[in-house]
N, C-alpha and C. Protein backbone atom coordinates (compact mmCIF):
# COMPACT_ATOMS: atom_id res chain seq x y z
N MET A 1 100.87 95.52 86.47
CA MET A 1 101.44 96.14 87.69
C MET A 1 102.48 97.01 87.28
N THR A 2 102.47 98.19 87.80
CA THR A 2 103.47 99.40 87.61
C THR A 2 104.59 99.17 88.36
N LYS A 3 105.86 99.42 87.79
CA LYS A 3 107.11 99.45 88.50
C LYS A 3 106.87 100.16 89.61
N THR A 4 106.10 101.25 90.04
CA THR A 4 106.06 101.87 91.19
C THR A 4 105.30 100.86 92.36
N LYS A 5 104.33 100.43 91.75
CA LYS A 5 103.67 99.42 92.75
C LYS A 5 104.39 98.21 93.00
N ILE A 6 105.20 97.58 92.21
CA ILE A 6 106.19 96.60 92.58
C ILE A 6 106.97 97.06 93.63
N ILE A 7 107.47 98.29 93.50
CA ILE A 7 108.55 98.70 94.50
C ILE A 7 108.07 99.15 95.65
N LEU A 8 106.81 99.69 95.75
CA LEU A 8 106.10 99.86 97.01
C LEU A 8 105.59 98.56 97.64
N LEU A 9 105.23 97.69 96.93
CA LEU A 9 104.81 96.29 97.49
C LEU A 9 106.16 95.69 98.21
N LEU A 10 107.10 95.51 97.49
CA LEU A 10 108.52 95.05 97.94
C LEU A 10 108.94 95.69 99.09
N MET A 11 108.71 97.24 99.04
CA MET A 11 109.42 97.88 100.19
C MET A 11 108.69 97.47 101.60
N LEU A 12 107.24 97.40 101.27
CA LEU A 12 106.39 97.21 102.57
C LEU A 12 106.53 95.64 102.84
N THR A 13 106.71 94.70 102.01
CA THR A 13 106.78 93.35 102.22
C THR A 13 108.09 93.08 102.98
N LEU A 14 109.21 93.74 102.37
CA LEU A 14 110.59 93.24 103.04
C LEU A 14 110.79 94.14 104.29
N SER A 15 109.99 95.17 104.60
CA SER A 15 110.19 95.88 106.02
C SER A 15 109.52 95.09 106.90
N VAL A 16 108.42 94.35 106.40
CA VAL A 16 107.35 93.62 107.49
C VAL A 16 107.88 92.49 107.70
N THR A 17 108.64 91.79 106.63
CA THR A 17 109.23 90.41 106.81
C THR A 17 108.30 89.45 107.26
N SER A 18 108.66 88.66 108.26
CA SER A 18 107.78 87.46 108.45
C SER A 18 106.98 87.93 109.87
N ALA A 19 107.13 89.10 110.03
CA ALA A 19 106.63 89.54 111.36
C ALA A 19 104.91 89.95 111.26
N TRP A 20 104.51 89.85 109.88
CA TRP A 20 103.22 90.54 109.56
C TRP A 20 102.24 89.73 110.49
N ALA A 21 102.37 88.45 110.75
CA ALA A 21 101.36 87.65 111.61
C ALA A 21 101.43 88.16 112.98
N GLU A 22 102.69 88.49 113.46
CA GLU A 22 102.86 89.02 114.69
C GLU A 22 102.40 90.45 114.99
N ASN A 23 102.45 91.27 113.83
CA ASN A 23 102.14 92.84 113.73
C ASN A 23 100.70 93.07 113.19
N SER A 24 99.76 92.36 113.74
CA SER A 24 98.49 92.57 113.13
C SER A 24 97.49 92.26 114.18
N THR A 25 96.38 92.87 114.03
CA THR A 25 95.22 92.84 114.97
C THR A 25 93.95 92.51 114.46
N ASN A 26 93.47 91.56 114.58
CA ASN A 26 92.22 91.25 114.16
C ASN A 26 90.96 91.64 114.87
N ILE A 27 90.06 92.42 114.10
CA ILE A 27 88.76 92.72 114.38
C ILE A 27 87.57 92.38 113.70
N PRO A 28 86.39 92.70 113.98
CA PRO A 28 85.37 91.83 113.27
C PRO A 28 85.28 92.27 111.75
N GLY A 29 85.59 91.29 110.84
CA GLY A 29 85.28 91.54 109.66
C GLY A 29 86.84 92.17 108.91
N PHE A 30 87.86 92.42 109.56
CA PHE A 30 89.01 93.14 109.25
C PHE A 30 90.31 92.67 110.01
N THR A 31 91.23 92.91 109.24
CA THR A 31 92.62 92.51 110.02
C THR A 31 93.45 93.96 109.90
N ILE A 32 93.83 94.34 110.81
CA ILE A 32 94.90 95.37 110.74
C ILE A 32 96.10 95.30 110.92
N HIS A 33 97.14 95.36 109.77
CA HIS A 33 98.40 95.16 109.74
C HIS A 33 99.26 96.51 110.07
N HIS A 34 100.40 96.30 111.05
CA HIS A 34 101.04 97.60 111.41
C HIS A 34 102.49 97.17 111.60
N ASN A 35 103.30 98.11 111.32
CA ASN A 35 104.77 97.90 111.37
C ASN A 35 105.38 99.39 111.28
N ALA A 36 106.53 99.35 111.92
CA ALA A 36 107.41 100.61 112.17
C ALA A 36 108.85 100.26 111.96
N ILE A 37 109.44 101.22 110.95
CA ILE A 37 110.79 100.86 110.56
C ILE A 37 111.55 102.19 110.52
N PRO A 38 112.94 102.26 110.63
CA PRO A 38 113.79 103.43 110.50
C PRO A 38 113.67 103.69 108.87
N THR A 39 113.39 104.88 108.80
CA THR A 39 113.18 105.43 107.20
C THR A 39 114.43 105.31 106.39
N ALA A 40 115.77 105.31 106.90
CA ALA A 40 117.01 105.00 106.54
C ALA A 40 116.85 103.85 105.53
N SER A 41 116.13 102.58 106.11
CA SER A 41 116.02 101.68 105.33
C SER A 41 115.17 101.27 104.20
N LEU A 42 114.61 102.72 103.76
CA LEU A 42 113.82 102.71 102.48
C LEU A 42 114.74 102.74 101.42
N ASP A 43 114.14 102.21 100.30
CA ASP A 43 114.78 102.54 98.89
C ASP A 43 114.56 104.09 98.57
N PRO A 44 115.79 104.73 98.28
CA PRO A 44 115.80 106.35 98.03
C PRO A 44 114.63 106.76 97.07
N ALA A 45 114.52 105.84 95.95
CA ALA A 45 113.62 106.16 94.97
C ALA A 45 112.13 106.12 95.57
N VAL A 46 111.70 105.29 96.48
CA VAL A 46 110.39 104.97 96.96
C VAL A 46 110.26 106.29 97.92
N ALA A 47 111.38 106.60 98.72
CA ALA A 47 111.16 107.78 99.69
C ALA A 47 110.63 109.05 99.13
N LYS A 48 111.56 108.95 97.70
CA LYS A 48 111.47 110.49 97.21
C LYS A 48 110.08 110.43 96.56
N GLN A 49 109.54 109.40 96.02
CA GLN A 49 108.27 109.21 95.53
C GLN A 49 107.18 109.62 96.35
N TYR A 50 107.19 109.06 97.74
CA TYR A 50 106.24 109.24 98.65
C TYR A 50 106.55 110.54 99.63
N ALA A 51 107.49 111.21 99.19
CA ALA A 51 108.07 112.44 100.24
C ALA A 51 108.36 111.91 101.57
N ILE A 52 109.04 110.77 101.66
CA ILE A 52 109.30 110.40 103.13
C ILE A 52 110.83 110.69 103.49
N GLN A 53 111.10 111.54 104.44
CA GLN A 53 112.52 111.94 104.60
C GLN A 53 113.34 110.65 105.08
N ARG A 54 114.23 110.11 104.37
CA ARG A 54 115.12 109.12 104.87
C ARG A 54 116.10 109.80 105.88
N SER A 55 116.27 109.05 107.08
CA SER A 55 117.21 109.30 107.90
C SER A 55 117.20 108.16 109.05
N LYS A 56 118.39 108.04 109.60
CA LYS A 56 118.58 107.15 110.45
C LYS A 56 117.90 107.38 111.85
N TYR A 57 117.39 108.69 111.91
CA TYR A 57 116.95 109.39 113.35
C TYR A 57 115.22 109.49 113.07
N ARG A 58 114.64 108.82 111.99
CA ARG A 58 113.41 108.91 111.86
C ARG A 58 112.76 107.69 111.58
N GLY A 59 111.55 107.24 112.04
CA GLY A 59 110.78 106.18 111.83
C GLY A 59 109.64 106.33 110.91
N LEU A 60 109.17 105.15 110.52
CA LEU A 60 107.93 105.24 109.56
C LEU A 60 106.98 104.17 110.07
N LEU A 61 105.95 104.55 110.28
CA LEU A 61 104.66 103.80 110.72
C LEU A 61 103.78 103.38 109.45
N ASN A 62 103.46 102.10 109.19
CA ASN A 62 102.90 101.50 108.03
C ASN A 62 101.68 100.85 108.59
N VAL A 63 100.58 101.16 108.15
CA VAL A 63 99.17 100.57 108.60
C VAL A 63 98.46 100.40 107.31
N SER A 64 97.89 98.88 107.33
CA SER A 64 96.94 98.67 106.42
C SER A 64 95.83 98.14 106.76
N ILE A 65 94.43 98.34 106.18
CA ILE A 65 93.21 97.61 106.63
C ILE A 65 92.97 96.64 105.62
N ILE A 66 92.69 95.28 106.13
CA ILE A 66 92.47 94.28 105.29
C ILE A 66 90.90 93.59 105.73
N LYS A 67 90.10 93.99 104.59
CA LYS A 67 88.91 93.39 104.74
C LYS A 67 88.61 91.92 104.44
N ALA A 68 88.34 91.10 105.15
CA ALA A 68 88.28 89.84 105.02
C ALA A 68 87.24 89.37 103.90
N GLU A 69 87.57 88.59 103.09
CA GLU A 69 86.92 88.01 102.12
C GLU A 69 87.11 86.35 101.87
N GLU A 70 86.11 85.72 102.10
CA GLU A 70 86.31 84.22 102.07
C GLU A 70 86.87 83.69 100.74
N GLY A 71 87.75 82.82 101.11
CA GLY A 71 88.53 82.30 99.88
C GLY A 71 89.81 83.08 99.47
N THR A 72 90.03 84.25 99.99
CA THR A 72 91.13 85.02 99.72
C THR A 72 91.93 85.48 100.76
N THR A 73 92.99 86.21 100.51
CA THR A 73 93.81 86.77 101.50
C THR A 73 93.28 88.16 101.96
N GLY A 74 91.96 88.64 101.53
CA GLY A 74 91.41 89.77 101.93
C GLY A 74 91.69 90.79 100.77
N LYS A 75 90.89 92.09 101.17
CA LYS A 75 90.83 93.02 100.15
C LYS A 75 91.33 94.33 100.89
N PRO A 76 92.25 95.24 100.20
CA PRO A 76 92.56 96.43 100.98
C PRO A 76 91.34 97.35 101.12
N SER A 77 91.40 98.06 102.38
CA SER A 77 90.16 98.72 102.58
C SER A 77 90.60 100.19 103.10
N ARG A 78 89.83 101.16 102.62
CA ARG A 78 90.12 102.31 103.24
C ARG A 78 89.61 102.55 104.73
N GLY A 79 89.84 103.95 105.38
CA GLY A 79 89.37 104.04 106.47
C GLY A 79 90.02 105.37 107.12
N VAL A 80 89.89 105.47 108.51
CA VAL A 80 90.60 106.40 109.17
C VAL A 80 91.42 105.80 110.35
N VAL A 81 92.82 106.34 110.17
CA VAL A 81 93.83 105.82 110.99
C VAL A 81 94.46 107.05 111.88
N MET A 82 94.16 106.87 113.19
CA MET A 82 95.00 107.86 114.10
C MET A 82 96.11 107.00 114.93
N ALA A 83 97.24 107.76 114.96
CA ALA A 83 98.30 107.13 115.64
C ALA A 83 99.21 107.99 116.54
N LYS A 84 99.51 107.24 117.72
CA LYS A 84 100.45 108.00 118.62
C LYS A 84 101.31 107.18 119.23
N ALA A 85 102.43 107.43 119.97
CA ALA A 85 103.27 106.57 120.58
C ALA A 85 103.86 107.13 121.85
N THR A 86 104.32 106.35 122.53
CA THR A 86 105.02 106.77 124.00
C THR A 86 106.45 106.16 124.20
N ASN A 87 107.43 106.98 124.56
CA ASN A 87 108.57 106.17 124.95
C ASN A 87 108.51 105.68 126.21
N ILE A 88 109.73 105.34 126.72
CA ILE A 88 110.09 104.65 128.17
C ILE A 88 109.78 105.96 129.14
N ARG A 89 110.16 106.97 128.82
CA ARG A 89 109.75 108.54 129.42
C ARG A 89 108.40 108.70 129.70
N GLY A 90 107.49 108.03 129.05
CA GLY A 90 106.25 108.47 129.08
C GLY A 90 105.56 109.80 128.18
N GLN A 91 106.60 110.10 127.18
CA GLN A 91 106.53 111.47 126.40
C GLN A 91 105.48 110.64 125.34
N LEU A 92 104.62 111.57 124.91
CA LEU A 92 103.51 111.30 123.80
C LEU A 92 104.22 111.72 122.66
N ILE A 93 104.18 110.96 121.51
CA ILE A 93 104.44 111.51 120.22
C ILE A 93 103.20 111.18 119.23
N SER A 94 102.63 112.43 118.73
CA SER A 94 101.71 112.41 117.84
C SER A 94 102.10 111.91 116.33
N ILE A 95 101.42 111.21 115.63
CA ILE A 95 102.07 110.64 114.55
C ILE A 95 101.01 110.89 113.43
N PRO A 96 100.96 112.04 112.85
CA PRO A 96 100.16 112.38 111.55
C PRO A 96 100.21 111.39 110.35
N MET A 97 99.23 110.79 110.11
CA MET A 97 99.00 109.45 109.32
C MET A 97 98.41 110.19 107.78
N ARG A 98 98.84 109.55 106.77
CA ARG A 98 98.34 109.96 105.59
C ARG A 98 98.27 108.67 104.48
N MET A 99 97.06 108.85 103.74
CA MET A 99 96.90 107.79 102.93
C MET A 99 97.59 107.72 101.65
N VAL A 100 98.26 106.42 101.42
CA VAL A 100 98.93 106.36 100.00
C VAL A 100 97.99 105.18 99.44
N GLU A 101 97.67 105.45 98.01
CA GLU A 101 97.05 104.43 97.24
C GLU A 101 98.03 104.20 96.00
N GLU A 102 97.96 102.97 95.75
CA GLU A 102 98.91 102.34 94.39
C GLU A 102 98.08 101.49 93.84
N GLY A 103 97.37 101.55 92.85
CA GLY A 103 96.73 100.39 92.32
C GLY A 103 95.52 100.14 93.25
N ASP A 104 95.44 98.72 93.61
CA ASP A 104 94.38 98.16 94.59
C ASP A 104 94.93 98.41 96.03
N ALA A 105 96.14 98.58 96.32
CA ALA A 105 96.54 98.79 97.51
C ALA A 105 96.56 100.05 98.36
N VAL A 106 95.85 100.02 99.45
CA VAL A 106 95.89 101.17 100.18
C VAL A 106 96.63 101.27 101.53
N TYR A 107 97.56 102.05 101.92
CA TYR A 107 98.27 102.15 103.04
C TYR A 107 98.22 103.64 103.73
N TYR A 108 98.56 103.34 105.17
CA TYR A 108 98.56 104.71 105.90
C TYR A 108 99.86 104.69 106.50
N ILE A 109 100.52 105.77 106.37
CA ILE A 109 101.95 106.17 106.60
C ILE A 109 102.21 107.17 107.53
N GLY A 110 102.77 107.21 108.57
CA GLY A 110 103.36 108.56 109.44
C GLY A 110 104.61 108.36 109.74
N GLU A 111 105.27 109.59 109.91
CA GLU A 111 106.75 109.43 110.26
C GLU A 111 106.82 110.16 111.78
N PHE A 112 107.93 109.74 112.30
CA PHE A 112 108.16 110.45 113.78
C PHE A 112 109.92 110.18 113.90
N ARG A 113 110.17 110.79 114.86
CA ARG A 113 111.66 110.89 115.44
C ARG A 113 111.85 109.75 116.42
N ILE A 114 113.18 109.21 115.93
CA ILE A 114 113.46 107.83 116.88
C ILE A 114 114.99 108.29 117.45
N ALA A 115 115.39 107.42 118.27
CA ALA A 115 116.66 107.40 118.78
C ALA A 115 117.20 105.97 118.83
N ASP A 116 118.30 105.87 119.05
CA ASP A 116 119.04 104.48 119.08
C ASP A 116 118.68 103.90 120.16
N GLN A 117 118.28 102.57 120.22
CA GLN A 117 117.71 101.46 120.95
C GLN A 117 116.47 101.97 121.72
N GLU A 118 115.71 103.01 121.24
CA GLU A 118 114.53 103.46 121.84
C GLU A 118 113.50 102.47 121.33
N THR A 119 112.70 102.20 122.53
CA THR A 119 111.33 101.43 122.31
C THR A 119 110.19 102.52 122.18
N LEU A 120 109.47 102.21 121.62
CA LEU A 120 108.32 103.02 121.28
C LEU A 120 106.75 101.99 121.38
N ASN A 121 105.97 102.37 122.21
CA ASN A 121 104.65 101.98 122.39
C ASN A 121 103.60 102.66 121.49
N PHE A 122 103.10 101.95 120.30
CA PHE A 122 102.40 102.62 119.51
C PHE A 122 100.81 102.47 119.86
N GLU A 123 100.03 103.25 119.77
CA GLU A 123 98.56 103.02 120.12
C GLU A 123 97.80 103.52 118.80
N LEU A 124 97.11 102.63 118.11
CA LEU A 124 96.23 103.09 116.93
C LEU A 124 94.90 103.13 117.00
N ASN A 125 94.27 103.91 116.67
CA ASN A 125 92.69 103.84 116.65
C ASN A 125 92.26 103.88 115.00
N VAL A 126 91.61 102.72 114.54
CA VAL A 126 91.33 102.50 113.21
C VAL A 126 89.83 102.26 113.07
N GLN A 127 89.11 103.25 112.05
CA GLN A 127 87.93 103.10 111.73
C GLN A 127 87.71 102.55 110.09
N PRO A 128 87.76 101.31 109.99
CA PRO A 128 87.45 100.95 108.43
C PRO A 128 86.17 101.44 107.86
N ARG A 129 86.42 101.73 106.65
CA ARG A 129 85.16 102.46 106.03
C ARG A 129 83.99 101.52 106.05
N GLY A 130 82.68 102.27 106.41
CA GLY A 130 81.52 101.53 106.57
C GLY A 130 81.21 100.87 108.02
N GLU A 131 82.33 101.11 108.77
CA GLU A 131 82.15 100.91 110.10
C GLU A 131 81.96 101.98 111.19
N THR A 132 81.02 101.99 112.18
CA THR A 132 80.72 103.12 112.81
C THR A 132 81.63 103.38 114.32
N ARG A 133 82.61 102.44 114.35
CA ARG A 133 83.39 102.62 115.69
C ARG A 133 84.80 102.50 115.14
N PHE A 134 85.73 103.05 116.08
CA PHE A 134 87.11 102.91 116.02
C PHE A 134 87.51 101.72 116.75
N TYR A 135 88.70 100.78 116.40
CA TYR A 135 89.10 99.81 116.96
C TYR A 135 90.31 100.05 117.42
N PRO A 136 90.93 99.77 118.69
CA PRO A 136 92.13 99.97 118.89
C PRO A 136 93.09 98.77 118.64
N ALA A 137 94.59 99.11 118.31
CA ALA A 137 95.56 98.21 118.01
C ALA A 137 96.90 98.74 118.56
N LYS A 138 97.58 97.77 118.84
CA LYS A 138 99.00 98.32 119.56
C LYS A 138 100.17 97.51 118.79
N LEU A 139 101.26 98.34 119.09
CA LEU A 139 102.43 97.73 118.58
C LEU A 139 103.64 98.39 119.40
N ARG A 140 104.72 97.39 119.77
CA ARG A 140 105.75 97.84 120.47
C ARG A 140 106.88 97.48 119.62
N GLN A 141 107.99 98.63 119.47
CA GLN A 141 108.97 98.44 118.44
C GLN A 141 110.20 99.11 119.22
N GLN A 142 111.46 98.33 119.07
CA GLN A 142 112.62 98.90 119.33
C GLN A 142 113.21 99.17 118.09
N PHE A 143 114.02 100.49 118.16
CA PHE A 143 114.86 100.76 117.08
C PHE A 143 116.37 100.79 117.46
N PHE A 144 117.06 100.35 116.37
CA PHE A 144 118.45 100.32 116.43
C PHE A 144 118.88 101.07 115.31
N ILE A 145 119.56 102.01 115.38
CA ILE A 145 120.12 103.17 114.40
C ILE A 145 121.62 103.16 114.24
N ASP A 146 122.29 102.86 115.12
CA ASP A 146 123.92 102.87 115.05
C ASP A 146 124.78 101.49 114.65
């Protein structure tokens, strides 16, 4: 396992903490894991490597698609991930997502603006590779930056 992969996995694991079970959506044959954090909490080297702007006023949406495989925790899967969020005022925020691959790991990340104590409601549409339809997933996250 490369140093980069270890850093990325630690970053994603630490940012998600024990909330993975709460921040996931089960669909037939897959689990969609989703989490959002302020980019300021990212390790500077990781942010630089993946061209993520670190700022307390920017958030990062992280999505992974895990294909169910009996007797394992699953296998990362590629797919199509589309994301948007709305704030309390109903303003729509489009979140362009991009794929990050590191060894066997596959993640989809997108950046967006945040404000202190802002709550965003995320709506995802995910189409795992090999599937013919998109599946919805939702996440609600409040951000504290000060």
